[in-house]
Amino acid sequence: MSESKRGWYVLRAISGKEAKVKEILDAQIKNTDLGNYLFQVLIPTEKVMAVRNGKKVIKERNLYSGYVFIEADLRGEVIHTLTNTTNVIDFLRGREKGSQPERLRESEVMRMLGAADDLGVPGENEVNDYIVGETVMVNDGSFKGFTGTIEKVDREKKKLTIMVKIFGRPNPLELDNSQVERE
């Protein structure tokens, strides 16, 4: 058992408790001998833009709900200590009964770390791909549910001017891109 098993592994956690597991493990790294065997605890997240009460809010959302990624050297009692941590279900393992925790391949780790770095605020192309003449429906604000045609697109300000029929007459509305959706 002298060979090192240092690598990236996946802990299955109770969904919604991933941050709590990370907090507990980070505290154990600092305060106990587990710090000699557990090197990093990671929960990959992405930033998602949502509209709440007419305002844009950027929230973080877990990419892999119910999973906590760890870089560890699994020797001795480390597996037992990690699986008995509050809110941890078990390691991600093979299908055979009694199989050892599965180590992530280097390519999977790089993809995961790269994905965590690359996913920031939604990019320009995702938010500003509306074109003049396109029909959209208002999904936020006083005119929610109204349908209109795009008359003008301001890509810098991320605004749209939409002609909406109100009482049978066309009226221009200036809205954020996030306040409309394609039909």
N, C-alpha and C. Protein backbone atom coordinates (compact mmCIF):
# COMPACT_ATOMS: atom_id res chain seq x y z
N MET A 1 0.84 -1.20 0.00
CA MET A 1 0.00 0.00 0.00
C MET A 1 0.87 1.24 0.00
N SER A 2 2.12 1.15 -0.39
CA SER A 2 3.02 2.30 -0.38
C SER A 2 2.86 3.17 -1.61
N GLU A 3 2.20 2.64 -2.68
CA GLU A 3 2.03 3.47 -3.87
C GLU A 3 0.97 4.54 -3.65
N SER A 4 1.21 5.69 -4.20
CA SER A 4 0.31 6.82 -4.01
C SER A 4 -0.91 6.67 -4.91
N LYS A 5 -2.07 6.96 -4.35
CA LYS A 5 -3.32 6.93 -5.12
C LYS A 5 -3.86 8.35 -5.29
N ARG A 6 -2.96 9.33 -5.33
CA ARG A 6 -3.40 10.72 -5.45
C ARG A 6 -4.05 10.92 -6.81
N GLY A 7 -5.22 11.50 -6.79
CA GLY A 7 -5.96 11.78 -8.02
C GLY A 7 -7.26 12.48 -7.69
N TRP A 8 -8.04 12.71 -8.72
CA TRP A 8 -9.34 13.36 -8.55
C TRP A 8 -10.41 12.28 -8.44
N TYR A 9 -11.29 12.44 -7.46
CA TYR A 9 -12.38 11.50 -7.23
C TYR A 9 -13.68 12.29 -7.07
N VAL A 10 -14.79 11.57 -7.12
CA VAL A 10 -16.09 12.22 -7.01
C VAL A 10 -16.81 11.65 -5.79
N LEU A 11 -17.23 12.56 -4.91
CA LEU A 11 -18.07 12.20 -3.78
C LEU A 11 -19.52 12.48 -4.14
N ARG A 12 -20.39 11.51 -3.88
CA ARG A 12 -21.81 11.77 -4.08
C ARG A 12 -22.35 12.35 -2.78
N ALA A 13 -23.01 13.49 -2.90
CA ALA A 13 -23.53 14.18 -1.72
C ALA A 13 -25.04 14.34 -1.86
N ILE A 14 -25.68 14.66 -0.76
CA ILE A 14 -27.11 14.95 -0.80
C ILE A 14 -27.28 16.21 -1.63
N SER A 15 -28.20 16.16 -2.60
CA SER A 15 -28.41 17.30 -3.49
C SER A 15 -28.80 18.53 -2.70
N GLY A 16 -28.13 19.63 -2.99
CA GLY A 16 -28.37 20.88 -2.29
C GLY A 16 -27.45 21.08 -1.09
N LYS A 17 -26.71 20.05 -0.70
CA LYS A 17 -25.81 20.13 0.46
C LYS A 17 -24.34 20.13 0.04
N GLU A 18 -24.08 20.32 -1.27
CA GLU A 18 -22.70 20.28 -1.76
C GLU A 18 -21.82 21.33 -1.09
N ALA A 19 -22.34 22.54 -0.93
CA ALA A 19 -21.56 23.63 -0.32
C ALA A 19 -21.25 23.32 1.14
N LYS A 20 -22.18 22.69 1.83
CA LYS A 20 -21.96 22.32 3.23
C LYS A 20 -20.86 21.26 3.33
N VAL A 21 -20.88 20.28 2.40
CA VAL A 21 -19.84 19.25 2.38
C VAL A 21 -18.48 19.89 2.15
N LYS A 22 -18.42 20.83 1.20
CA LYS A 22 -17.16 21.52 0.90
C LYS A 22 -16.67 22.28 2.13
N GLU A 23 -17.59 22.95 2.81
CA GLU A 23 -17.23 23.71 4.01
C GLU A 23 -16.65 22.80 5.09
N ILE A 24 -17.28 21.64 5.31
CA ILE A 24 -16.81 20.69 6.32
C ILE A 24 -15.44 20.15 5.95
N LEU A 25 -15.29 19.74 4.67
CA LEU A 25 -14.00 19.17 4.24
C LEU A 25 -12.88 20.21 4.28
N ASP A 26 -13.19 21.45 3.88
CA ASP A 26 -12.17 22.51 3.96
C ASP A 26 -11.71 22.73 5.40
N ALA A 27 -12.65 22.67 6.35
CA ALA A 27 -12.31 22.83 7.77
C ALA A 27 -11.45 21.66 8.24
N GLN A 28 -11.77 20.45 7.78
CA GLN A 28 -10.98 19.28 8.16
C GLN A 28 -9.57 19.34 7.57
N ILE A 29 -9.44 19.89 6.36
CA ILE A 29 -8.12 20.03 5.75
C ILE A 29 -7.24 20.92 6.62
N LYS A 30 -7.81 22.02 7.12
CA LYS A 30 -7.04 22.98 7.91
C LYS A 30 -6.77 22.48 9.33
N ASN A 31 -7.73 21.78 9.92
CA ASN A 31 -7.66 21.50 11.35
C ASN A 31 -7.26 20.07 11.73
N THR A 32 -7.20 19.15 10.76
CA THR A 32 -6.89 17.76 11.11
C THR A 32 -5.79 17.21 10.20
N ASP A 33 -5.42 15.96 10.44
CA ASP A 33 -4.43 15.29 9.61
C ASP A 33 -4.96 14.98 8.21
N LEU A 34 -6.25 15.13 7.99
CA LEU A 34 -6.81 14.87 6.67
C LEU A 34 -6.19 15.78 5.62
N GLY A 35 -5.67 16.92 6.04
CA GLY A 35 -5.00 17.84 5.13
C GLY A 35 -3.78 17.25 4.46
N ASN A 36 -3.21 16.20 5.02
CA ASN A 36 -2.07 15.51 4.41
C ASN A 36 -2.50 14.63 3.23
N TYR A 37 -3.79 14.29 3.17
CA TYR A 37 -4.28 13.36 2.15
C TYR A 37 -5.34 13.97 1.23
N LEU A 38 -5.99 15.03 1.68
CA LEU A 38 -7.02 15.70 0.89
C LEU A 38 -6.48 17.07 0.51
N PHE A 39 -6.38 17.35 -0.81
CA PHE A 39 -5.69 18.55 -1.26
C PHE A 39 -6.62 19.65 -1.75
N GLN A 40 -7.67 19.27 -2.47
CA GLN A 40 -8.61 20.28 -2.99
C GLN A 40 -10.03 19.73 -2.94
N VAL A 41 -10.98 20.63 -2.71
CA VAL A 41 -12.39 20.30 -2.77
C VAL A 41 -13.02 21.30 -3.74
N LEU A 42 -13.74 20.81 -4.73
CA LEU A 42 -14.25 21.67 -5.79
C LEU A 42 -15.70 21.35 -6.12
N ILE A 43 -16.50 22.40 -6.27
CA ILE A 43 -17.87 22.27 -6.76
C ILE A 43 -17.96 23.15 -8.00
N PRO A 44 -17.90 22.58 -9.21
CA PRO A 44 -18.00 23.40 -10.42
C PRO A 44 -19.36 24.07 -10.52
N THR A 45 -19.33 25.39 -10.75
CA THR A 45 -20.57 26.15 -10.88
C THR A 45 -20.54 26.95 -12.17
N GLU A 46 -21.72 27.42 -12.58
CA GLU A 46 -21.83 28.31 -13.72
C GLU A 46 -22.67 29.50 -13.29
N LYS A 47 -22.43 30.63 -13.93
CA LYS A 47 -23.21 31.83 -13.64
C LYS A 47 -24.40 31.86 -14.60
N VAL A 48 -25.59 32.08 -14.04
CA VAL A 48 -26.81 32.10 -14.82
C VAL A 48 -27.51 33.43 -14.58
N MET A 49 -27.97 34.06 -15.66
CA MET A 49 -28.69 35.32 -15.52
C MET A 49 -30.18 35.03 -15.43
N ALA A 50 -30.81 35.62 -14.44
CA ALA A 50 -32.25 35.48 -14.25
C ALA A 50 -32.85 36.86 -14.04
N VAL A 51 -34.14 36.99 -14.29
CA VAL A 51 -34.83 38.26 -14.08
C VAL A 51 -35.74 38.09 -12.87
N ARG A 52 -35.52 38.92 -11.86
CA ARG A 52 -36.34 38.90 -10.64
C ARG A 52 -36.86 40.31 -10.39
N ASN A 53 -38.15 40.45 -10.31
CA ASN A 53 -38.79 41.74 -10.06
C ASN A 53 -38.31 42.81 -11.04
N GLY A 54 -38.13 42.42 -12.30
CA GLY A 54 -37.73 43.36 -13.33
C GLY A 54 -36.25 43.69 -13.35
N LYS A 55 -35.46 43.07 -12.48
CA LYS A 55 -34.01 43.34 -12.45
C LYS A 55 -33.25 42.08 -12.81
N LYS A 56 -32.14 42.28 -13.53
CA LYS A 56 -31.29 41.16 -13.88
C LYS A 56 -30.44 40.77 -12.68
N VAL A 57 -30.44 39.49 -12.38
CA VAL A 57 -29.68 38.97 -11.26
C VAL A 57 -28.81 37.83 -11.78
N ILE A 58 -27.54 37.82 -11.40
CA ILE A 58 -26.66 36.73 -11.80
C ILE A 58 -26.50 35.80 -10.61
N LYS A 59 -26.90 34.53 -10.80
CA LYS A 59 -26.82 33.54 -9.74
C LYS A 59 -25.83 32.46 -10.13
N GLU A 60 -25.28 31.79 -9.14
CA GLU A 60 -24.42 30.64 -9.41
C GLU A 60 -25.24 29.38 -9.27
N ARG A 61 -25.04 28.46 -10.20
CA ARG A 61 -25.77 27.20 -10.20
C ARG A 61 -24.76 26.07 -10.34
N ASN A 62 -24.96 25.00 -9.58
CA ASN A 62 -24.06 23.84 -9.66
C ASN A 62 -24.15 23.20 -11.03
N LEU A 63 -23.00 22.89 -11.62
CA LEU A 63 -22.99 22.17 -12.89
C LEU A 63 -23.37 20.71 -12.69
N TYR A 64 -22.93 20.13 -11.59
CA TYR A 64 -23.19 18.71 -11.32
C TYR A 64 -23.85 18.60 -9.95
N SER A 65 -25.16 18.68 -9.93
CA SER A 65 -25.91 18.64 -8.68
C SER A 65 -25.71 17.28 -8.00
N GLY A 66 -25.37 17.33 -6.73
CA GLY A 66 -25.19 16.10 -5.95
C GLY A 66 -23.78 15.54 -5.99
N TYR A 67 -22.84 16.25 -6.60
CA TYR A 67 -21.46 15.75 -6.70
C TYR A 67 -20.47 16.79 -6.19
N VAL A 68 -19.46 16.31 -5.46
CA VAL A 68 -18.37 17.15 -4.98
C VAL A 68 -17.07 16.49 -5.47
N PHE A 69 -16.23 17.26 -6.13
CA PHE A 69 -14.98 16.75 -6.68
C PHE A 69 -13.85 17.02 -5.68
N ILE A 70 -13.03 15.99 -5.47
CA ILE A 70 -11.93 16.13 -4.52
C ILE A 70 -10.64 15.62 -5.15
N GLU A 71 -9.54 16.28 -4.79
CA GLU A 71 -8.23 15.77 -5.14
C GLU A 71 -7.66 15.20 -3.85
N ALA A 72 -7.41 13.90 -3.85
CA ALA A 72 -7.01 13.25 -2.62
C ALA A 72 -6.07 12.08 -2.88
N ASP A 73 -5.39 11.69 -1.82
CA ASP A 73 -4.58 10.49 -1.81
C ASP A 73 -5.33 9.51 -0.91
N LEU A 74 -5.98 8.52 -1.52
CA LEU A 74 -6.84 7.61 -0.77
C LEU A 74 -6.02 6.45 -0.20
N ARG A 75 -5.57 6.62 1.01
CA ARG A 75 -4.84 5.55 1.70
C ARG A 75 -5.28 5.51 3.15
N GLY A 76 -5.15 4.38 3.73
CA GLY A 76 -5.51 4.23 5.14
C GLY A 76 -6.99 4.47 5.37
N GLU A 77 -7.27 5.29 6.36
CA GLU A 77 -8.65 5.55 6.78
C GLU A 77 -9.30 6.72 6.04
N VAL A 78 -8.64 7.24 5.01
CA VAL A 78 -9.15 8.43 4.32
C VAL A 78 -10.51 8.16 3.68
N ILE A 79 -10.66 7.01 3.01
CA ILE A 79 -11.94 6.67 2.37
C ILE A 79 -13.04 6.62 3.43
N HIS A 80 -12.75 5.96 4.54
CA HIS A 80 -13.74 5.85 5.62
C HIS A 80 -14.11 7.23 6.18
N THR A 81 -13.11 8.08 6.40
CA THR A 81 -13.36 9.42 6.93
C THR A 81 -14.23 10.24 5.97
N LEU A 82 -13.91 10.18 4.68
CA LEU A 82 -14.66 10.97 3.70
C LEU A 82 -16.09 10.48 3.56
N THR A 83 -16.29 9.15 3.52
CA THR A 83 -17.66 8.63 3.34
C THR A 83 -18.51 8.83 4.58
N ASN A 84 -17.89 9.04 5.73
CA ASN A 84 -18.65 9.28 6.96
C ASN A 84 -18.81 10.76 7.28
N THR A 85 -18.45 11.62 6.33
CA THR A 85 -18.66 13.05 6.50
C THR A 85 -20.16 13.35 6.36
N THR A 86 -20.64 14.29 7.14
CA THR A 86 -22.06 14.68 7.09
C THR A 86 -22.47 15.06 5.68
N ASN A 87 -23.61 14.58 5.22
CA ASN A 87 -24.23 14.84 3.91
C ASN A 87 -23.53 14.15 2.74
N VAL A 88 -22.52 13.32 2.99
CA VAL A 88 -21.88 12.55 1.93
C VAL A 88 -22.53 11.18 1.87
N ILE A 89 -22.91 10.75 0.66
CA ILE A 89 -23.52 9.44 0.49
C ILE A 89 -22.44 8.38 0.30
N ASP A 90 -21.55 8.59 -0.67
CA ASP A 90 -20.49 7.63 -0.95
C ASP A 90 -19.62 8.20 -2.07
N PHE A 91 -18.60 7.46 -2.43
CA PHE A 91 -17.80 7.79 -3.61
C PHE A 91 -18.52 7.31 -4.85
N LEU A 92 -18.17 7.87 -5.98
CA LEU A 92 -18.61 7.34 -7.26
C LEU A 92 -17.71 6.13 -7.52
N ARG A 93 -18.31 4.96 -7.65
CA ARG A 93 -17.56 3.72 -7.76
C ARG A 93 -17.99 2.95 -8.99
N GLY A 94 -17.26 1.87 -9.25
CA GLY A 94 -17.65 0.95 -10.31
C GLY A 94 -18.91 0.20 -9.91
N ARG A 95 -19.45 -0.57 -10.83
CA ARG A 95 -20.71 -1.28 -10.57
C ARG A 95 -20.55 -2.54 -9.73
N GLU A 96 -19.34 -3.10 -9.71
CA GLU A 96 -19.13 -4.33 -8.97
C GLU A 96 -19.23 -4.07 -7.47
N LYS A 97 -19.75 -5.04 -6.76
CA LYS A 97 -19.87 -4.91 -5.32
C LYS A 97 -18.48 -4.83 -4.69
N GLY A 98 -18.27 -3.88 -3.80
CA GLY A 98 -16.99 -3.74 -3.12
C GLY A 98 -15.90 -3.08 -3.95
N SER A 99 -16.26 -2.46 -5.07
CA SER A 99 -15.24 -1.84 -5.91
C SER A 99 -14.71 -0.57 -5.25
N GLN A 100 -13.50 -0.20 -5.63
CA GLN A 100 -12.83 0.99 -5.09
C GLN A 100 -13.38 2.25 -5.77
N PRO A 101 -13.22 3.41 -5.12
CA PRO A 101 -13.61 4.67 -5.77
C PRO A 101 -12.91 4.84 -7.11
N GLU A 102 -13.65 5.31 -8.10
CA GLU A 102 -13.08 5.47 -9.43
C GLU A 102 -12.38 6.81 -9.55
N ARG A 103 -11.13 6.75 -10.03
CA ARG A 103 -10.35 7.96 -10.26
C ARG A 103 -10.77 8.56 -11.59
N LEU A 104 -10.92 9.88 -11.63
CA LEU A 104 -11.25 10.56 -12.88
C LEU A 104 -10.03 10.54 -13.80
N ARG A 105 -10.28 10.41 -15.10
CA ARG A 105 -9.18 10.49 -16.06
C ARG A 105 -8.70 11.93 -16.15
N GLU A 106 -7.44 12.09 -16.53
CA GLU A 106 -6.85 13.43 -16.64
C GLU A 106 -7.65 14.31 -17.59
N SER A 107 -8.13 13.74 -18.70
CA SER A 107 -8.90 14.52 -19.68
C SER A 107 -10.21 15.02 -19.06
N GLU A 108 -10.84 14.19 -18.21
CA GLU A 108 -12.07 14.60 -17.54
C GLU A 108 -11.81 15.74 -16.56
N VAL A 109 -10.70 15.64 -15.86
CA VAL A 109 -10.35 16.69 -14.89
C VAL A 109 -10.09 18.01 -15.61
N MET A 110 -9.32 17.94 -16.71
CA MET A 110 -9.02 19.17 -17.46
C MET A 110 -10.29 19.77 -18.04
N ARG A 111 -11.18 18.93 -18.54
CA ARG A 111 -12.43 19.42 -19.10
C ARG A 111 -13.26 20.08 -17.99
N MET A 112 -13.32 19.43 -16.83
CA MET A 112 -14.10 19.97 -15.72
C MET A 112 -13.50 21.30 -15.25
N LEU A 113 -12.18 21.35 -15.05
CA LEU A 113 -11.55 22.58 -14.60
C LEU A 113 -11.66 23.66 -15.66
N GLY A 114 -11.53 23.29 -16.92
CA GLY A 114 -11.68 24.25 -18.02
C GLY A 114 -13.10 24.75 -18.11
N ALA A 115 -14.07 23.85 -17.94
CA ALA A 115 -15.47 24.25 -18.00
C ALA A 115 -15.80 25.20 -16.86
N ALA A 116 -15.24 24.93 -15.69
CA ALA A 116 -15.51 25.81 -14.55
C ALA A 116 -14.92 27.19 -14.80
N ASP A 117 -13.77 27.28 -15.49
CA ASP A 117 -13.16 28.57 -15.77
C ASP A 117 -13.86 29.29 -16.91
N ASP A 118 -14.26 28.55 -17.96
CA ASP A 118 -14.84 29.16 -19.15
C ASP A 118 -16.24 29.70 -18.93
N LEU A 119 -16.99 29.09 -18.03
CA LEU A 119 -18.37 29.49 -17.84
C LEU A 119 -18.44 30.72 -16.95
N GLY A 120 -18.62 31.85 -17.55
CA GLY A 120 -18.75 33.08 -16.79
C GLY A 120 -20.12 33.66 -17.04
N VAL A 121 -20.15 34.96 -17.18
CA VAL A 121 -21.39 35.64 -17.53
C VAL A 121 -21.75 35.24 -18.95
N PRO A 122 -23.03 35.02 -19.24
CA PRO A 122 -23.39 34.63 -20.60
C PRO A 122 -22.78 35.56 -21.64
N GLY A 123 -22.24 34.97 -22.68
CA GLY A 123 -21.51 35.73 -23.70
C GLY A 123 -22.40 36.57 -24.57
N GLU A 124 -21.77 37.43 -25.36
CA GLU A 124 -22.49 38.34 -26.24
C GLU A 124 -23.38 37.60 -27.23
N ASN A 125 -22.88 36.53 -27.80
CA ASN A 125 -23.65 35.82 -28.82
C ASN A 125 -24.90 35.18 -28.25
N GLU A 126 -24.85 34.72 -26.99
CA GLU A 126 -26.01 34.10 -26.39
C GLU A 126 -27.12 35.13 -26.13
N VAL A 127 -26.74 36.33 -25.76
CA VAL A 127 -27.71 37.33 -25.33
C VAL A 127 -28.19 38.21 -26.49
N ASN A 128 -27.33 38.49 -27.47
CA ASN A 128 -27.64 39.48 -28.50
C ASN A 128 -27.86 38.89 -29.88
N ASP A 129 -28.54 37.79 -30.00
CA ASP A 129 -28.69 37.20 -31.32
C ASP A 129 -30.06 37.46 -31.94
N TYR A 130 -30.77 38.49 -31.46
CA TYR A 130 -32.06 38.84 -32.06
C TYR A 130 -31.82 39.67 -33.32
N ILE A 131 -32.76 39.56 -34.28
CA ILE A 131 -32.64 40.32 -35.52
C ILE A 131 -33.93 41.10 -35.79
N VAL A 132 -33.80 42.19 -36.54
CA VAL A 132 -34.94 43.03 -36.88
C VAL A 132 -35.94 42.21 -37.70
N GLY A 133 -37.23 42.37 -37.36
CA GLY A 133 -38.28 41.65 -38.07
C GLY A 133 -38.71 40.36 -37.38
N GLU A 134 -37.95 39.92 -36.41
CA GLU A 134 -38.26 38.68 -35.69
C GLU A 134 -39.43 38.92 -34.73
N THR A 135 -40.28 37.92 -34.57
CA THR A 135 -41.42 38.02 -33.66
C THR A 135 -41.02 37.43 -32.31
N VAL A 136 -41.27 38.19 -31.25
CA VAL A 136 -40.91 37.77 -29.90
C VAL A 136 -42.09 38.00 -28.96
N MET A 137 -42.03 37.32 -27.80
CA MET A 137 -43.06 37.50 -26.78
C MET A 137 -42.41 38.09 -25.54
N VAL A 138 -43.05 39.07 -24.93
CA VAL A 138 -42.55 39.71 -23.71
C VAL A 138 -42.79 38.74 -22.55
N ASN A 139 -41.72 38.45 -21.78
CA ASN A 139 -41.85 37.49 -20.68
C ASN A 139 -41.66 38.13 -19.30
N ASP A 140 -41.54 39.46 -19.26
CA ASP A 140 -41.34 40.14 -17.99
C ASP A 140 -41.84 41.57 -18.08
N GLY A 141 -42.35 42.08 -16.97
CA GLY A 141 -42.77 43.48 -16.93
C GLY A 141 -44.27 43.65 -17.14
N SER A 142 -44.67 44.90 -17.34
CA SER A 142 -46.09 45.24 -17.48
C SER A 142 -46.75 44.63 -18.71
N PHE A 143 -45.96 44.39 -19.74
CA PHE A 143 -46.52 43.88 -21.00
C PHE A 143 -46.27 42.39 -21.17
N LYS A 144 -46.10 41.68 -20.06
CA LYS A 144 -45.85 40.24 -20.11
C LYS A 144 -46.99 39.55 -20.85
N GLY A 145 -46.62 38.67 -21.80
CA GLY A 145 -47.61 37.94 -22.58
C GLY A 145 -47.93 38.57 -23.92
N PHE A 146 -47.52 39.84 -24.11
CA PHE A 146 -47.76 40.52 -25.39
C PHE A 146 -46.75 40.02 -26.42
N THR A 147 -47.18 39.98 -27.69
CA THR A 147 -46.31 39.58 -28.78
C THR A 147 -46.04 40.79 -29.65
N GLY A 148 -44.81 40.88 -30.16
CA GLY A 148 -44.47 42.02 -31.00
C GLY A 148 -43.36 41.67 -31.98
N THR A 149 -43.06 42.63 -32.86
CA THR A 149 -42.03 42.47 -33.86
C THR A 149 -40.87 43.40 -33.52
N ILE A 150 -39.66 42.88 -33.65
CA ILE A 150 -38.47 43.68 -33.35
C ILE A 150 -38.27 44.72 -34.44
N GLU A 151 -38.17 45.99 -34.04
CA GLU A 151 -37.95 47.10 -34.96
C GLU A 151 -36.50 47.57 -34.95
N LYS A 152 -35.84 47.45 -33.78
CA LYS A 152 -34.48 47.95 -33.65
C LYS A 152 -33.74 47.10 -32.61
N VAL A 153 -32.46 46.82 -32.89
CA VAL A 153 -31.61 46.05 -31.97
C VAL A 153 -30.40 46.90 -31.60
N ASP A 154 -30.21 47.15 -30.30
CA ASP A 154 -29.04 47.87 -29.82
C ASP A 154 -28.15 46.86 -29.09
N ARG A 155 -27.14 46.36 -29.79
CA ARG A 155 -26.30 45.28 -29.24
C ARG A 155 -25.42 45.76 -28.08
N GLU A 156 -24.98 47.01 -28.09
CA GLU A 156 -24.13 47.51 -27.02
C GLU A 156 -24.89 47.62 -25.69
N LYS A 157 -26.09 48.16 -25.75
CA LYS A 157 -26.89 48.34 -24.54
C LYS A 157 -27.74 47.12 -24.22
N LYS A 158 -27.76 46.14 -25.15
CA LYS A 158 -28.56 44.93 -25.00
C LYS A 158 -30.04 45.27 -24.84
N LYS A 159 -30.50 46.16 -25.70
CA LYS A 159 -31.89 46.60 -25.69
C LYS A 159 -32.53 46.31 -27.04
N LEU A 160 -33.84 46.13 -27.02
CA LEU A 160 -34.63 45.92 -28.23
C LEU A 160 -35.78 46.90 -28.25
N THR A 161 -36.10 47.40 -29.44
CA THR A 161 -37.32 48.18 -29.60
C THR A 161 -38.30 47.27 -30.32
N ILE A 162 -39.46 47.07 -29.68
CA ILE A 162 -40.45 46.12 -30.19
C ILE A 162 -41.77 46.86 -30.41
N MET A 163 -42.41 46.59 -31.55
CA MET A 163 -43.74 47.15 -31.82
C MET A 163 -44.79 46.15 -31.34
N VAL A 164 -45.57 46.60 -30.35
CA VAL A 164 -46.60 45.77 -29.75
C VAL A 164 -47.95 46.44 -29.99
N LYS A 165 -48.95 45.64 -30.37
CA LYS A 165 -50.29 46.21 -30.56
C LYS A 165 -51.01 46.26 -29.23
N ILE A 166 -51.37 47.50 -28.84
CA ILE A 166 -52.12 47.71 -27.62
C ILE A 166 -53.40 48.43 -28.02
N PHE A 167 -54.54 47.85 -27.72
CA PHE A 167 -55.85 48.37 -28.13
C PHE A 167 -55.92 48.58 -29.64
N GLY A 168 -55.30 47.67 -30.40
CA GLY A 168 -55.36 47.73 -31.85
C GLY A 168 -54.38 48.68 -32.51
N ARG A 169 -53.58 49.39 -31.72
CA ARG A 169 -52.61 50.33 -32.29
C ARG A 169 -51.19 49.87 -31.98
N PRO A 170 -50.27 49.99 -32.96
CA PRO A 170 -48.88 49.61 -32.70
C PRO A 170 -48.19 50.65 -31.81
N ASN A 171 -47.53 50.17 -30.78
CA ASN A 171 -46.79 51.02 -29.84
C ASN A 171 -45.39 50.47 -29.65
N PRO A 172 -44.37 51.36 -29.67
CA PRO A 172 -43.00 50.88 -29.47
C PRO A 172 -42.69 50.67 -27.98
N LEU A 173 -42.01 49.58 -27.69
CA LEU A 173 -41.54 49.30 -26.33
C LEU A 173 -40.03 49.11 -26.39
N GLU A 174 -39.31 49.70 -25.45
CA GLU A 174 -37.88 49.44 -25.37
C GLU A 174 -37.66 48.52 -24.18
N LEU A 175 -37.14 47.32 -24.46
CA LEU A 175 -36.96 46.29 -23.45
C LEU A 175 -35.53 45.75 -23.48
N ASP A 176 -35.12 45.16 -22.35
CA ASP A 176 -33.85 44.43 -22.31
C ASP A 176 -34.02 43.12 -23.05
N ASN A 177 -32.92 42.60 -23.56
CA ASN A 177 -32.97 41.30 -24.24
C ASN A 177 -33.52 40.21 -23.36
N SER A 178 -33.26 40.30 -22.06
CA SER A 178 -33.70 39.26 -21.14
C SER A 178 -35.21 39.31 -20.87
N GLN A 179 -35.87 40.38 -21.30
CA GLN A 179 -37.30 40.51 -21.06
C GLN A 179 -38.16 39.92 -22.18
N VAL A 180 -37.52 39.38 -23.21
CA VAL A 180 -38.27 38.78 -24.31
C VAL A 180 -37.75 37.38 -24.59
N GLU A 181 -38.59 36.62 -25.29
CA GLU A 181 -38.17 35.29 -25.73
C GLU A 181 -38.80 35.02 -27.09
N ARG A 182 -38.13 34.18 -27.86
CA ARG A 182 -38.66 33.82 -29.17
C ARG A 182 -39.93 33.01 -29.03
N GLU A 183 -40.81 33.15 -30.01
CA GLU A 183 -42.04 32.37 -29.98
C GLU A 183 -41.80 30.97 -30.47
